[in-house]
Structures are given as C-alpha cells and as structure tokens.
C-alpha cells in the first residue's frame, strides 16, 4: 500500500526536531506536481527551513502537515488573483500525475504563465524567485544554457527581484505512440542520436534536482543565477554543496 507523502513527512517530523528556520519565513510553491514537483515539496517541507510553505491549489485541500497550507486560486487570469504574502517562490512546470489525488487538486503553471505569475508573485512581496526549467536533452544552445533563454525570462529579471535562480535540468523523453511500423522505425533511428548526447546533459534524478535547488536557496547571494544542465549534473557526481557554492561564487561554470 502506497504511503501518502503528507503522512510520511508528518510521521517523520514527530521524531526529528525542526532545524533553525531561515529569515525568509514563507515559501510559495507553484507546481508541486509530477516527479520533480513532488520531490521539491518533499525536500522543502521535510527540511522545515521555512515557517510556512504555501501550495497553490485549484481545489480545496485538507492540510495535514504542520507548517504547510494550500492557497486556492480562482479560475481566473493570474492578474486577477487575490494577493497573498510570501518571501520566496519556487516554480516548477512538471505536469500532475492523474493517478495522484493530491496532484489533481494542485495548480500547475505552464511555461507561458511565467511572466504573469512572476508579476503576481512580486506583488505578493516575493523577493526571491527560483524557476526549475526542464528542457529536451542535448537541444539547448550553449549561449542559452548559461544566460537568459527568451523574452519570458528577461521579463522575470526585469521585475527587480532580489534573487533570481534559473535551474535548467534535462528531462527524460516522453513516451511516444506510433500509428504504424514506419513511424516506429523512424523514431528508433532518431533515438540513436540520444547516445551522442554528453553525459553532462543527461537527465538527473528529480531528488537530486530538488537537493540542488534547496542548497541554492540557502546560499545564493543577490543577483541573477543561471544553472546550466552541466552544473546540475556535476552536482550529482560529487560534493553537491561544493559545486553549488562554486557556481554561485563564480568559480564554476
């Protein structure tokens, strides 16, 4: 029998004293769905570094974990949502898994929602925004791995957050359906190119990405920080803290 994430963390929390909380006491998580969003939630809620963790939801949710609350948003454009109060925001775009009841009730942003969502978060008092942006492995130009990719990310930076963290992580190819054997053969031939993708651009486990984001939120100085897929991958190969600190300190690229 599967154990619900909230119940598991709540049970663990009864036996482990909570660590010291950060000065930024409220973290808002938009997109606590899918394998990645669920790991981000598990990591941040389990660590209890924030006095309050808000989950954006589109349906009522019974909150069963101390320090975690849901914020139900109306079925309206983001610009028309009522404001809340938060210090840090984390945005993930992993779609919900429909067989998870909790995930069906949560609100998940689409990548095109990012500029409008960021404006709403800024109006809510958010000073730090972290965006975990998955992309197809091996298909991102080098210039975009280390800099801003597109007008949407430029719009986020232009809003004037104290800290902007953009974490780029390669995603696994989605399962494909084929109408006939010819399409299946063509897809198989194209899949050969996957073996030509460098190891540093291969997908990283969701739990490791969540660990990377948690550490970055702890130690990132003011400014805009873009983590390339290679940086995220490298952090899984040795000392994660050392790689993250080197990246944020400008000694690792």
C-alpha atoms as a PDB file:
ATOM      1  CA  UNK A   1       0.000   0.000   0.000  1.00  0.00           C
ATOM      2  CA  UNK A   2       1.442   3.355  -1.035  1.00  0.00           C
ATOM      3  CA  UNK A   3       2.129   5.868   1.729  1.00  0.00           C
ATOM      4  CA  UNK A   4       0.844   9.389   1.188  1.00  0.00           C
ATOM      5  CA  UNK A   5       3.624  11.990   1.039  1.00  0.00           C
ATOM      6  CA  UNK A   6       1.994  14.231   3.638  1.00  0.00           C
ATOM      7  CA  UNK A   7       1.563  11.346   6.101  1.00  0.00           C
ATOM      8  CA  UNK A   8       5.138  10.157   5.671  1.00  0.00           C
ATOM      9  CA  UNK A   9       6.652  13.574   6.296  1.00  0.00           C
ATOM     10  CA  UNK A  10       4.302  14.247   9.194  1.00  0.00           C
ATOM     11  CA  UNK A  11       5.299  10.969  10.868  1.00  0.00           C
ATOM     12  CA  UNK A  12       8.994  11.725  10.402  1.00  0.00           C
ATOM     13  CA  UNK A  13       8.528  15.218  11.778  1.00  0.00           C
ATOM     14  CA  UNK A  14       7.248  13.866  15.082  1.00  0.00           C
ATOM     15  CA  UNK A  15      10.614  12.268  15.796  1.00  0.00           C
ATOM     16  CA  UNK A  16      13.058  14.842  14.392  1.00  0.00           C
ATOM     17  CA  UNK A  17      13.393  18.307  15.936  1.00  0.00           C
ATOM     18  CA  UNK A  18      12.924  21.018  13.296  1.00  0.00           C
ATOM     19  CA  UNK A  19      16.105  22.874  12.218  1.00  0.00           C
ATOM     20  CA  UNK A  20      16.545  26.593  12.541  1.00  0.00           C
ATOM     21  CA  UNK A  21      14.325  28.434  10.074  1.00  0.00           C
ATOM     22  CA  UNK A  22      15.522  30.997   7.598  1.00  0.00           C
ATOM     23  CA  UNK A  23      14.745  34.682   7.928  1.00  0.00           C
ATOM     24  CA  UNK A  24      12.559  34.378   4.818  1.00  0.00           C
ATOM     25  CA  UNK A  25       9.768  32.586   6.613  1.00  0.00           C
ATOM     26  CA  UNK A  26       7.202  31.874   3.881  1.00  0.00           C
ATOM     27  CA  UNK A  27       7.898  29.879   0.717  1.00  0.00           C
ATOM     28  CA  UNK A  28       5.267  29.571  -2.010  1.00  0.00           C
ATOM     29  CA  UNK A  29       5.496  26.547  -4.293  1.00  0.00           C
ATOM     30  CA  UNK A  30       3.750  26.728  -7.660  1.00  0.00           C
ATOM     31  CA  UNK A  31       3.726  23.323  -9.315  1.00  0.00           C
ATOM     32  CA  UNK A  32       4.191  20.725  -6.558  1.00  0.00           C
ATOM     33  CA  UNK A  33       3.240  18.054  -9.096  1.00  0.00           C
ATOM     34  CA  UNK A  34       4.889  15.359 -11.159  1.00  0.00           C
ATOM     35  CA  UNK A  35       8.039  13.567 -10.071  1.00  0.00           C
ATOM     36  CA  UNK A  36      10.042  16.789  -9.846  1.00  0.00           C
ATOM     37  CA  UNK A  37       7.419  18.924  -8.116  1.00  0.00           C
ATOM     38  CA  UNK A  38       6.749  16.175  -5.606  1.00  0.00           C
ATOM     39  CA  UNK A  39      10.466  15.865  -4.787  1.00  0.00           C
ATOM     40  CA  UNK A  40      10.762  19.630  -4.385  1.00  0.00           C
ATOM     41  CA  UNK A  41       7.849  19.573  -1.965  1.00  0.00           C
ATOM     42  CA  UNK A  42       9.248  16.577  -0.057  1.00  0.00           C
ATOM     43  CA  UNK A  43      12.661  18.202   0.277  1.00  0.00           C
ATOM     44  CA  UNK A  44      11.496  21.631   1.369  1.00  0.00           C
ATOM     45  CA  UNK A  45       8.663  20.510   3.622  1.00  0.00           C
ATOM     46  CA  UNK A  46      10.774  17.802   5.203  1.00  0.00           C
ATOM     47  CA  UNK A  47      13.668  20.171   5.917  1.00  0.00           C
ATOM     48  CA  UNK A  48      11.278  22.637   7.618  1.00  0.00           C
ATOM     49  CA  UNK A  49      13.557  25.570   6.903  1.00  0.00           C
ATOM     50  CA  UNK A  50      10.586  27.870   6.382  1.00  0.00           C
ATOM     51  CA  UNK A  51       7.979  28.752   8.945  1.00  0.00           C
ATOM     52  CA  UNK A  52       5.282  28.298   6.310  1.00  0.00           C
ATOM     53  CA  UNK A  53       5.063  26.553   2.953  1.00  0.00           C
ATOM     54  CA  UNK A  54       2.181  27.514   0.652  1.00  0.00           C
ATOM     55  CA  UNK A  55       0.996  25.268  -2.175  1.00  0.00           C
ATOM     56  CA  UNK A  56      -1.036  26.797  -4.987  1.00  0.00           C
ATOM     57  CA  UNK A  57      -4.215  24.761  -5.475  1.00  0.00           C
ATOM     58  CA  UNK A  58      -7.225  24.907  -7.765  1.00  0.00           C
ATOM     59  CA  UNK A  59      -9.428  22.803  -5.475  1.00  0.00           C
ATOM     60  CA  UNK A  60      -9.806  22.639  -1.683  1.00  0.00           C
ATOM     61  CA  UNK A  61      -7.133  20.527   0.029  1.00  0.00           C
ATOM     62  CA  UNK A  62      -7.087  19.304   3.619  1.00  0.00           C
ATOM     63  CA  UNK A  63      -3.700  20.304   5.000  1.00  0.00           C
ATOM     64  CA  UNK A  64      -2.310  17.534   7.188  1.00  0.00           C
ATOM     65  CA  UNK A  65       1.256  18.729   7.757  1.00  0.00           C
ATOM     66  CA  UNK A  66       2.368  21.357  10.233  1.00  0.00           C
ATOM     67  CA  UNK A  67       3.646  24.455   8.503  1.00  0.00           C
ATOM     68  CA  UNK A  68       2.126  23.505   5.126  1.00  0.00           C
ATOM     69  CA  UNK A  69      -1.005  25.213   3.803  1.00  0.00           C
ATOM     70  CA  UNK A  70      -2.770  25.334   0.474  1.00  0.00           C
ATOM     71  CA  UNK A  71      -3.758  28.569  -1.214  1.00  0.00           C
ATOM     72  CA  UNK A  72      -6.712  28.038  -3.533  1.00  0.00           C
ATOM     73  CA  UNK A  73      -6.597  30.330  -6.553  1.00  0.00           C
ATOM     74  CA  UNK A  74      -9.680  31.150  -8.637  1.00  0.00           C
ATOM     75  CA  UNK A  75     -10.230  30.015 -12.213  1.00  0.00           C
ATOM     76  CA  UNK A  76      -9.338  33.471 -13.472  1.00  0.00           C
ATOM     77  CA  UNK A  77      -6.329  35.021 -15.204  1.00  0.00           C
ATOM     78  CA  UNK A  78      -3.390  35.248 -12.808  1.00  0.00           C
ATOM     79  CA  UNK A  79      -3.526  39.044 -12.851  1.00  0.00           C
ATOM     80  CA  UNK A  80      -6.957  38.823 -11.194  1.00  0.00           C
ATOM     81  CA  UNK A  81      -5.905  36.551  -8.331  1.00  0.00           C
ATOM     82  CA  UNK A  82      -6.098  37.995  -4.808  1.00  0.00           C
ATOM     83  CA  UNK A  83      -2.693  38.757  -3.355  1.00  0.00           C
ATOM     84  CA  UNK A  84      -1.035  36.712  -0.622  1.00  0.00           C
ATOM     85  CA  UNK A  85       2.132  37.224   1.431  1.00  0.00           C
ATOM     86  CA  UNK A  86       5.331  35.287   0.700  1.00  0.00           C
ATOM     87  CA  UNK A  87       9.085  35.855   0.782  1.00  0.00           C
ATOM     88  CA  UNK A  88      10.379  33.116  -1.550  1.00  0.00           C
ATOM     89  CA  UNK A  89       8.698  31.487  -4.548  1.00  0.00           C
ATOM     90  CA  UNK A  90       9.604  28.269  -6.329  1.00  0.00           C
ATOM     91  CA  UNK A  91       8.097  27.497  -9.737  1.00  0.00           C
ATOM     92  CA  UNK A  92       8.116  24.049 -11.361  1.00  0.00           C
ATOM     93  CA  UNK A  93       6.428  23.000 -14.596  1.00  0.00           C
ATOM     94  CA  UNK A  94       6.175  19.227 -14.157  1.00  0.00           C
ATOM     95  CA  UNK A  95       2.559  18.251 -15.060  1.00  0.00           C
ATOM     96  CA  UNK A  96       0.446  16.412 -12.482  1.00  0.00           C
ATOM     97  CA  UNK A  97       0.171  12.635 -12.452  1.00  0.00           C
ATOM     98  CA  UNK A  98      -3.545  11.982 -12.766  1.00  0.00           C
ATOM     99  CA  UNK A  99      -3.437   8.905 -10.554  1.00  0.00           C
ATOM    100  CA  UNK A 100      -2.356  11.082  -7.602  1.00  0.00           C
ATOM    101  CA  UNK A 101      -5.430  12.633  -5.976  1.00  0.00           C
ATOM    102  CA  UNK A 102      -3.465  15.424  -4.311  1.00  0.00           C
ATOM    103  CA  UNK A 103      -1.747  16.426  -7.529  1.00  0.00           C
ATOM    104  CA  UNK A 104      -5.034  16.709  -9.399  1.00  0.00           C
ATOM    105  CA  UNK A 105      -6.123  19.347  -6.892  1.00  0.00           C
ATOM    106  CA  UNK A 106      -2.959  21.460  -7.211  1.00  0.00           C
ATOM    107  CA  UNK A 107      -2.465  24.322  -9.625  1.00  0.00           C
ATOM    108  CA  UNK A 108       0.384  23.773 -12.073  1.00  0.00           C
ATOM    109  CA  UNK A 109       1.780  26.573 -14.239  1.00  0.00           C
ATOM    110  CA  UNK A 110       2.539  26.249 -17.926  1.00  0.00           C
ATOM    111  CA  UNK A 111       5.828  27.757 -19.141  1.00  0.00           C
ATOM    112  CA  UNK A 112       3.862  30.523 -20.886  1.00  0.00           C
ATOM    113  CA  UNK A 113       2.425  31.554 -17.478  1.00  0.00           C
ATOM    114  CA  UNK A 114       5.843  32.530 -16.125  1.00  0.00           C
ATOM    115  CA  UNK A 115       5.836  36.323 -16.790  1.00  0.00           C
ATOM    116  CA  UNK A 116       2.308  36.851 -15.447  1.00  0.00           C
ATOM    117  CA  UNK A 117       2.931  34.538 -12.483  1.00  0.00           C
ATOM    118  CA  UNK A 118       6.170  36.378 -11.664  1.00  0.00           C
ATOM    119  CA  UNK A 119       4.359  39.731 -11.687  1.00  0.00           C
ATOM    120  CA  UNK A 120       1.770  38.362  -9.267  1.00  0.00           C
ATOM    121  CA  UNK A 121       4.485  36.948  -7.007  1.00  0.00           C
ATOM    122  CA  UNK A 122       6.321  40.272  -6.964  1.00  0.00           C
ATOM    123  CA  UNK A 123       3.078  41.998  -5.942  1.00  0.00           C
ATOM    124  CA  UNK A 124       2.762  39.422  -3.126  1.00  0.00           C
ATOM    125  CA  UNK A 125       6.076  40.606  -1.688  1.00  0.00           C
ATOM    126  CA  UNK A 126       8.297  37.813  -3.007  1.00  0.00           C
ATOM    127  CA  UNK A 127      11.966  38.806  -3.042  1.00  0.00           C
ATOM    128  CA  UNK A 128      13.497  35.536  -4.248  1.00  0.00           C
ATOM    129  CA  UNK A 129      12.151  33.503  -7.173  1.00  0.00           C
ATOM    130  CA  UNK A 130      13.550  30.145  -8.271  1.00  0.00           C
ATOM    131  CA  UNK A 131      12.413  28.574 -11.536  1.00  0.00           C
ATOM    132  CA  UNK A 132      13.182  24.956 -12.403  1.00  0.00           C
ATOM    133  CA  UNK A 133      13.013  24.879 -16.177  1.00  0.00           C
ATOM    134  CA  UNK A 134      13.254  21.432 -17.819  1.00  0.00           C
ATOM    135  CA  UNK A 135      14.245  21.146 -21.468  1.00  0.00           C
ATOM    136  CA  UNK A 136      14.841  18.461 -24.062  1.00  0.00           C
ATOM    137  CA  UNK A 137      18.262  16.933 -23.529  1.00  0.00           C
ATOM    138  CA  UNK A 138      21.012  17.991 -25.897  1.00  0.00           C
ATOM    139  CA  UNK A 139      18.872  20.591 -27.680  1.00  0.00           C
ATOM    140  CA  UNK A 140      19.671  23.816 -25.856  1.00  0.00           C
ATOM    141  CA  UNK A 141      22.294  26.090 -27.463  1.00  0.00           C
ATOM    142  CA  UNK A 142      25.331  26.784 -25.293  1.00  0.00           C
ATOM    143  CA  UNK A 143      24.589  30.505 -25.109  1.00  0.00           C
ATOM    144  CA  UNK A 144      21.188  29.826 -23.540  1.00  0.00           C
ATOM    145  CA  UNK A 145      22.474  27.283 -21.031  1.00  0.00           C
ATOM    146  CA  UNK A 146      24.325  29.967 -19.104  1.00  0.00           C
ATOM    147  CA  UNK A 147      22.161  33.003 -19.848  1.00  0.00           C
ATOM    148  CA  UNK A 148      18.554  34.070 -20.171  1.00  0.00           C
ATOM    149  CA  UNK A 149      16.531  31.984 -22.621  1.00  0.00           C
ATOM    150  CA  UNK A 150      13.799  34.011 -24.268  1.00  0.00           C
ATOM    151  CA  UNK A 151      11.736  37.082 -23.534  1.00  0.00           C
ATOM    152  CA  UNK A 152       9.842  35.421 -20.670  1.00  0.00           C
ATOM    153  CA  UNK A 153      12.960  35.026 -18.536  1.00  0.00           C
ATOM    154  CA  UNK A 154      14.067  38.568 -19.407  1.00  0.00           C
ATOM    155  CA  UNK A 155      10.648  39.785 -18.240  1.00  0.00           C
ATOM    156  CA  UNK A 156      11.083  37.991 -14.902  1.00  0.00           C
ATOM    157  CA  UNK A 157      14.509  39.528 -14.300  1.00  0.00           C
ATOM    158  CA  UNK A 158      13.210  42.987 -15.244  1.00  0.00           C
ATOM    159  CA  UNK A 159      10.710  42.873 -12.360  1.00  0.00           C
ATOM    160  CA  UNK A 160      13.513  43.542  -9.893  1.00  0.00           C
ATOM    161  CA  UNK A 161      13.563  40.505  -7.602  1.00  0.00           C
ATOM    162  CA  UNK A 162      16.469  40.495  -5.158  1.00  0.00           C
ATOM    163  CA  UNK A 163      17.434  36.973  -6.249  1.00  0.00           C
ATOM    164  CA  UNK A 164      16.504  35.065  -9.401  1.00  0.00           C
ATOM    165  CA  UNK A 165      17.546  31.408  -9.694  1.00  0.00           C
ATOM    166  CA  UNK A 166      17.042  29.651 -13.026  1.00  0.00           C
ATOM    167  CA  UNK A 167      17.819  25.949 -12.828  1.00  0.00           C
ATOM    168  CA  UNK A 168      17.974  24.135 -16.162  1.00  0.00           C
ATOM    169  CA  UNK A 169      17.565  20.377 -15.993  1.00  0.00           C
ATOM    170  CA  UNK A 170      17.340  17.961 -18.899  1.00  0.00           C
ATOM    171  CA  UNK A 171      14.102  15.985 -18.924  1.00  0.00           C
ATOM    172  CA  UNK A 172      13.505  12.392 -19.967  1.00  0.00           C
ATOM    173  CA  UNK A 173      11.964  11.901 -23.428  1.00  0.00           C
ATOM    174  CA  UNK A 174       8.224  11.378 -23.220  1.00  0.00           C
ATOM    175  CA  UNK A 175       6.688   8.101 -24.328  1.00  0.00           C
ATOM    176  CA  UNK A 176       5.569   8.196 -27.950  1.00  0.00           C
ATOM    177  CA  UNK A 177       2.724   6.484 -29.747  1.00  0.00           C
ATOM    178  CA  UNK A 178       3.086   5.450 -33.343  1.00  0.00           C
ATOM    179  CA  UNK A 179       0.392   4.997 -35.951  1.00  0.00           C
ATOM    180  CA  UNK A 180       2.309   2.443 -37.995  1.00  0.00           C
ATOM    181  CA  UNK A 181       5.581   0.445 -38.100  1.00  0.00           C
ATOM    182  CA  UNK A 182       7.231   3.008 -40.379  1.00  0.00           C
ATOM    183  CA  UNK A 183       6.873   5.717 -37.757  1.00  0.00           C
ATOM    184  CA  UNK A 184       8.237   3.356 -35.101  1.00  0.00           C
ATOM    185  CA  UNK A 185      11.282   2.589 -37.269  1.00  0.00           C
ATOM    186  CA  UNK A 186      11.946   6.278 -37.923  1.00  0.00           C
ATOM    187  CA  UNK A 187      11.718   7.057 -34.203  1.00  0.00           C
ATOM    188  CA  UNK A 188      14.120   4.217 -33.410  1.00  0.00           C
ATOM    189  CA  UNK A 189      16.646   5.532 -35.932  1.00  0.00           C
ATOM    190  CA  UNK A 190      16.409   9.031 -34.481  1.00  0.00           C
ATOM    191  CA  UNK A 191      16.798   7.662 -30.968  1.00  0.00           C
ATOM    192  CA  UNK A 192      20.318   6.573 -31.869  1.00  0.00           C
ATOM    193  CA  UNK A 193      21.339  10.218 -31.565  1.00  0.00           C
ATOM    194  CA  UNK A 194      20.485  10.103 -27.863  1.00  0.00           C
ATOM    195  CA  UNK A 195      23.642   8.108 -27.305  1.00  0.00           C
ATOM    196  CA  UNK A 196      25.622  11.024 -28.738  1.00  0.00           C
ATOM    197  CA  UNK A 197      24.393  13.400 -26.004  1.00  0.00           C
ATOM    198  CA  UNK A 198      27.204  14.066 -23.474  1.00  0.00           C
ATOM    199  CA  UNK A 199      26.765  12.557 -20.030  1.00  0.00           C
ATOM    200  CA  UNK A 200      26.634  16.045 -18.545  1.00  0.00           C
ATOM    201  CA  UNK A 201      23.417  16.736 -20.475  1.00  0.00           C
ATOM    202  CA  UNK A 202      21.631  13.541 -19.494  1.00  0.00           C
ATOM    203  CA  UNK A 203      18.559  13.781 -17.233  1.00  0.00           C
ATOM    204  CA  UNK A 204      19.242  13.998 -13.495  1.00  0.00           C
ATOM    205  CA  UNK A 205      17.095  12.275 -10.876  1.00  0.00           C
ATOM    206  CA  UNK A 206      14.329  14.506  -9.538  1.00  0.00           C
ATOM    207  CA  UNK A 207      15.539  14.013  -5.966  1.00  0.00           C
ATOM    208  CA  UNK A 208      18.974  15.381  -6.896  1.00  0.00           C
ATOM    209  CA  UNK A 209      17.482  18.402  -8.649  1.00  0.00           C
ATOM    210  CA  UNK A 210      15.426  19.102  -5.513  1.00  0.00           C
ATOM    211  CA  UNK A 211      18.560  18.851  -3.356  1.00  0.00           C
ATOM    212  CA  UNK A 212      20.342  21.252  -5.715  1.00  0.00           C
ATOM    213  CA  UNK A 213      17.502  23.793  -5.506  1.00  0.00           C
ATOM    214  CA  UNK A 214      17.288  23.592  -1.725  1.00  0.00           C
ATOM    215  CA  UNK A 215      21.005  24.293  -1.345  1.00  0.00           C
ATOM    216  CA  UNK A 216      20.883  27.146  -3.863  1.00  0.00           C
ATOM    217  CA  UNK A 217      18.024  28.809  -1.995  1.00  0.00           C
ATOM    218  CA  UNK A 218      20.062  28.652   1.204  1.00  0.00           C
ATOM    219  CA  UNK A 219      23.277  30.243  -0.031  1.00  0.00           C
ATOM    220  CA  UNK A 220      22.571  32.268  -3.200  1.00  0.00           C
ATOM    221  CA  UNK A 221      23.645  35.927  -2.936  1.00  0.00           C
ATOM    222  CA  UNK A 222      21.587  38.726  -4.507  1.00  0.00           C
ATOM    223  CA  UNK A 223      21.511  38.742  -8.298  1.00  0.00           C
ATOM    224  CA  UNK A 224      20.573  36.530 -11.226  1.00  0.00           C
ATOM    225  CA  UNK A 225      21.980  32.999 -11.208  1.00  0.00           C
ATOM    226  CA  UNK A 226      21.550  30.534 -14.090  1.00  0.00           C
ATOM    227  CA  UNK A 227      22.457  26.880 -13.520  1.00  0.00           C
ATOM    228  CA  UNK A 228      23.239  25.092 -16.776  1.00  0.00           C
ATOM    229  CA  UNK A 229      22.402  21.383 -17.218  1.00  0.00           C
ATOM    230  CA  UNK A 230      26.111  20.614 -16.835  1.00  0.00           C
ATOM    231  CA  UNK A 231      26.220  22.310 -13.418  1.00  0.00           C
ATOM    232  CA  UNK A 232      23.171  20.394 -12.204  1.00  0.00           C
ATOM    233  CA  UNK A 233      24.646  17.122 -13.482  1.00  0.00           C
ATOM    234  CA  UNK A 234      28.063  17.843 -11.949  1.00  0.00           C
ATOM    235  CA  UNK A 235      26.442  18.402  -8.566  1.00  0.00           C
ATOM    236  CA  UNK A 236      25.276  14.774  -8.597  1.00  0.00           C
ATOM    237  CA  UNK A 237      28.780  13.413  -9.201  1.00  0.00           C
ATOM    238  CA  UNK A 238      30.495  14.539  -6.023  1.00  0.00           C
ATOM    239  CA  UNK A 239      30.022  17.137  -3.301  1.00  0.00           C
ATOM    240  CA  UNK A 240      26.766  18.894  -4.139  1.00  0.00           C
ATOM    241  CA  UNK A 241      27.389  21.718  -1.679  1.00  0.00           C
ATOM    242  CA  UNK A 242      30.832  22.362  -3.144  1.00  0.00           C
ATOM    243  CA  UNK A 243      29.505  22.518  -6.725  1.00  0.00           C
ATOM    244  CA  UNK A 244      26.580  24.774  -5.823  1.00  0.00           C
ATOM    245  CA  UNK A 245      28.775  27.101  -3.780  1.00  0.00           C
ATOM    246  CA  UNK A 246      31.330  27.231  -6.596  1.00  0.00           C
ATOM    247  CA  UNK A 247      28.637  28.023  -9.157  1.00  0.00           C
ATOM    248  CA  UNK A 248      27.152  30.805  -7.064  1.00  0.00           C
ATOM    249  CA  UNK A 249      30.597  32.135  -6.228  1.00  0.00           C
ATOM    250  CA  UNK A 250      31.530  32.330  -9.896  1.00  0.00           C
ATOM    251  CA  UNK A 251      34.329  29.751  -9.739  1.00  0.00           C
ATOM    252  CA  UNK A 252      32.354  27.014 -11.538  1.00  0.00           C
ATOM    253  CA  UNK A 253      30.620  27.388 -14.880  1.00  0.00           C
END
